Amino acid sequence: VFSSTSTSATYLPGPAGSQLVQVNFEGTATGFGTIGGTATFAGGKSGTLSYNGAAYLENGDQLSGTGTGSFESVGSHRWSTRFIVHVSDGSALLSEGELDLATRVWSGKLFEWS
């Protein structure tokens, strides 16, 4: 389970007249402690996303993760997200979540992926 809140967003021109939105998040994830990262969304109501982040474990260790996947609108100001995260310890996770654009909260679940 993860829950994070957007702390800032940057809007950039993308390829072929599209727009890229880079959003910084901070929060927590079960088994990972405090997390922070940047998600880049490309598209309008649906499209691709990439993620780069870090986890600060309770034992003092740090892990990093990168991932790619997709998002799509699932209602007024809500996006469903799905992507694979490759973690620096060699593991991989499936992240399935929902981003509430009005409250800026991104929450969901993480599953082991092989």
C-alpha atoms as a PDB file:
ATOM      1  CA  VAL A   1       0.000   0.000   0.000  1.00  0.00           C
ATOM      2  CA  PHE A   2       1.279   3.464  -0.810  1.00  0.00           C
ATOM      3  CA  SER A   3      -0.036   6.981  -0.320  1.00  0.00           C
ATOM      4  CA  SER A   4       1.690  10.162  -1.405  1.00  0.00           C
ATOM      5  CA  THR A   5       0.889  13.815  -1.918  1.00  0.00           C
ATOM      6  CA  SER A   6       2.022  16.089  -4.717  1.00  0.00           C
ATOM      7  CA  THR A   7       4.385  18.830  -3.561  1.00  0.00           C
ATOM      8  CA  SER A   8       4.868  20.569  -6.931  1.00  0.00           C
ATOM      9  CA  ALA A   9       4.307  20.237 -10.662  1.00  0.00           C
ATOM     10  CA  THR A  10       6.181  21.473 -13.727  1.00  0.00           C
ATOM     11  CA  TYR A  11       4.540  21.738 -17.147  1.00  0.00           C
ATOM     12  CA  LEU A  12       6.796  21.336 -20.180  1.00  0.00           C
ATOM     13  CA  PRO A  13       6.305  21.151 -23.944  1.00  0.00           C
ATOM     14  CA  GLY A  14       6.411  17.579 -25.189  1.00  0.00           C
ATOM     15  CA  PRO A  15       6.878  15.939 -28.557  1.00  0.00           C
ATOM     16  CA  ALA A  16       4.485  16.705 -31.426  1.00  0.00           C
ATOM     17  CA  GLY A  17       2.766  19.548 -29.573  1.00  0.00           C
ATOM     18  CA  SER A  18       1.940  17.495 -26.485  1.00  0.00           C
ATOM     19  CA  GLN A  19       2.489  18.512 -22.872  1.00  0.00           C
ATOM     20  CA  LEU A  20       4.636  16.796 -20.245  1.00  0.00           C
ATOM     21  CA  VAL A  21       3.698  17.177 -16.584  1.00  0.00           C
ATOM     22  CA  GLN A  22       6.395  16.385 -14.018  1.00  0.00           C
ATOM     23  CA  VAL A  23       4.915  15.935 -10.543  1.00  0.00           C
ATOM     24  CA  ASN A  24       6.914  15.538  -7.330  1.00  0.00           C
ATOM     25  CA  PHE A  25       5.416  13.310  -4.627  1.00  0.00           C
ATOM     26  CA  GLU A  26       6.203  12.534  -0.966  1.00  0.00           C
ATOM     27  CA  GLY A  27       4.576   9.869   1.187  1.00  0.00           C
ATOM     28  CA  THR A  28       4.865   6.368   2.605  1.00  0.00           C
ATOM     29  CA  ALA A  29       4.725   2.798   1.294  1.00  0.00           C
ATOM     30  CA  THR A  30       4.304  -0.406   3.276  1.00  0.00           C
ATOM     31  CA  GLY A  31       7.671  -2.125   3.593  1.00  0.00           C
ATOM     32  CA  PHE A  32       9.505   0.893   2.175  1.00  0.00           C
ATOM     33  CA  GLY A  33       8.983   3.622   4.776  1.00  0.00           C
ATOM     34  CA  THR A  34       9.192   7.183   3.511  1.00  0.00           C
ATOM     35  CA  ILE A  35       9.102   7.575  -0.263  1.00  0.00           C
ATOM     36  CA  GLY A  36       9.703  10.443  -2.639  1.00  0.00           C
ATOM     37  CA  GLY A  37       9.721  10.615  -6.384  1.00  0.00           C
ATOM     38  CA  THR A  38       8.897  12.333  -9.627  1.00  0.00           C
ATOM     39  CA  ALA A  39       6.297  11.072 -12.066  1.00  0.00           C
ATOM     40  CA  THR A  40       6.245  12.393 -15.629  1.00  0.00           C
ATOM     41  CA  PHE A  41       2.897  12.172 -17.412  1.00  0.00           C
ATOM     42  CA  ALA A  42       2.686  12.524 -21.208  1.00  0.00           C
ATOM     43  CA  GLY A  43      -0.720  12.838 -22.854  1.00  0.00           C
ATOM     44  CA  GLY A  44      -4.084  14.374 -22.083  1.00  0.00           C
ATOM     45  CA  LYS A  45      -6.729  12.233 -20.404  1.00  0.00           C
ATOM     46  CA  SER A  46      -4.589   9.144 -20.982  1.00  0.00           C
ATOM     47  CA  GLY A  47      -1.035   8.394 -21.933  1.00  0.00           C
ATOM     48  CA  THR A  48       2.301   7.192 -20.656  1.00  0.00           C
ATOM     49  CA  LEU A  49       4.043   7.802 -17.378  1.00  0.00           C
ATOM     50  CA  SER A  50       7.553   7.358 -16.101  1.00  0.00           C
ATOM     51  CA  TYR A  51       8.622   7.327 -12.471  1.00  0.00           C
ATOM     52  CA  ASN A  52      11.920   7.883 -10.654  1.00  0.00           C
ATOM     53  CA  GLY A  53      12.023   7.737  -6.885  1.00  0.00           C
ATOM     54  CA  ALA A  54      13.670   6.724  -3.648  1.00  0.00           C
ATOM     55  CA  ALA A  55      12.613   4.897  -0.499  1.00  0.00           C
ATOM     56  CA  TYR A  56      14.117   5.601   2.900  1.00  0.00           C
ATOM     57  CA  LEU A  57      13.725   2.403   4.909  1.00  0.00           C
ATOM     58  CA  GLU A  58      13.275   2.363   8.672  1.00  0.00           C
ATOM     59  CA  ASN A  59      16.637   0.563   9.099  1.00  0.00           C
ATOM     60  CA  GLY A  60      18.445   3.506   7.482  1.00  0.00           C
ATOM     61  CA  ASP A  61      18.948   1.910   4.067  1.00  0.00           C
ATOM     62  CA  GLN A  62      17.905   3.634   0.853  1.00  0.00           C
ATOM     63  CA  LEU A  63      16.539   2.105  -2.345  1.00  0.00           C
ATOM     64  CA  SER A  64      15.887   3.740  -5.692  1.00  0.00           C
ATOM     65  CA  GLY A  65      13.328   2.801  -8.306  1.00  0.00           C
ATOM     66  CA  THR A  66      12.500   3.605 -11.912  1.00  0.00           C
ATOM     67  CA  GLY A  67       9.464   2.623 -13.893  1.00  0.00           C
ATOM     68  CA  THR A  68       7.251   3.126 -16.910  1.00  0.00           C
ATOM     69  CA  GLY A  69       3.604   2.493 -17.597  1.00  0.00           C
ATOM     70  CA  SER A  70       0.336   4.217 -18.360  1.00  0.00           C
ATOM     71  CA  PHE A  71      -2.450   6.364 -16.950  1.00  0.00           C
ATOM     72  CA  GLU A  72      -6.033   7.047 -17.961  1.00  0.00           C
ATOM     73  CA  SER A  73      -8.906   9.231 -16.811  1.00  0.00           C
ATOM     74  CA  VAL A  74     -11.446   7.343 -14.688  1.00  0.00           C
ATOM     75  CA  GLY A  75     -13.739  10.224 -13.807  1.00  0.00           C
ATOM     76  CA  SER A  76     -13.716  13.883 -12.983  1.00  0.00           C
ATOM     77  CA  HIS A  77     -10.149  14.816 -12.013  1.00  0.00           C
ATOM     78  CA  ARG A  78      -9.086  11.195 -11.323  1.00  0.00           C
ATOM     79  CA  TRP A  79      -6.442   9.148 -13.112  1.00  0.00           C
ATOM     80  CA  SER A  80      -5.866   5.410 -12.831  1.00  0.00           C
ATOM     81  CA  THR A  81      -2.157   4.519 -12.960  1.00  0.00           C
ATOM     82  CA  ARG A  82      -0.360   1.243 -13.682  1.00  0.00           C
ATOM     83  CA  PHE A  83       3.374   0.754 -14.082  1.00  0.00           C
ATOM     84  CA  ILE A  84       6.296  -1.548 -13.319  1.00  0.00           C
ATOM     85  CA  VAL A  85       8.983  -0.273 -10.924  1.00  0.00           C
ATOM     86  CA  HIS A  86      12.500  -1.726 -11.135  1.00  0.00           C
ATOM     87  CA  VAL A  87      14.059  -1.402  -7.675  1.00  0.00           C
ATOM     88  CA  SER A  88      17.793  -1.013  -7.037  1.00  0.00           C
ATOM     89  CA  ASP A  89      17.854  -4.246  -4.974  1.00  0.00           C
ATOM     90  CA  GLY A  90      16.991  -6.205  -8.139  1.00  0.00           C
ATOM     91  CA  SER A  91      13.297  -6.678  -7.415  1.00  0.00           C
ATOM     92  CA  ALA A  92      10.397  -5.422  -9.516  1.00  0.00           C
ATOM     93  CA  LEU A  93       6.966  -4.227  -8.427  1.00  0.00           C
ATOM     94  CA  LEU A  94       3.649  -3.632 -10.151  1.00  0.00           C
ATOM     95  CA  SER A  95       2.154  -0.350  -8.969  1.00  0.00           C
ATOM     96  CA  GLU A  96      -1.607   0.097  -9.410  1.00  0.00           C
ATOM     97  CA  GLY A  97      -3.091   3.301  -8.096  1.00  0.00           C
ATOM     98  CA  GLU A  98      -5.320   6.276  -8.480  1.00  0.00           C
ATOM     99  CA  LEU A  99      -4.336   9.926  -8.556  1.00  0.00           C
ATOM    100  CA  ASP A 100      -6.922  12.423  -7.340  1.00  0.00           C
ATOM    101  CA  LEU A 101      -6.000  15.631  -9.134  1.00  0.00           C
ATOM    102  CA  ALA A 102      -8.197  17.803  -6.879  1.00  0.00           C
ATOM    103  CA  THR A 103      -6.656  16.643  -3.575  1.00  0.00           C
ATOM    104  CA  ARG A 104      -3.221  15.859  -5.117  1.00  0.00           C
ATOM    105  CA  VAL A 105      -3.195  12.431  -3.402  1.00  0.00           C
ATOM    106  CA  TRP A 106      -1.820   9.382  -5.247  1.00  0.00           C
ATOM    107  CA  SER A 107      -2.554   6.086  -3.505  1.00  0.00           C
ATOM    108  CA  GLY A 108      -2.708   2.424  -4.374  1.00  0.00           C
ATOM    109  CA  LYS A 109      -1.102  -0.975  -3.994  1.00  0.00           C
ATOM    110  CA  LEU A 110       2.255  -2.560  -4.843  1.00  0.00           C
ATOM    111  CA  PHE A 111       2.582  -6.168  -5.971  1.00  0.00           C
ATOM    112  CA  GLU A 112       5.666  -8.339  -6.492  1.00  0.00           C
ATOM    113  CA  TRP A 113       6.429  -8.679 -10.202  1.00  0.00           C
ATOM    114  CA  SER A 114       8.644 -11.157 -11.984  1.00  0.00           C
END
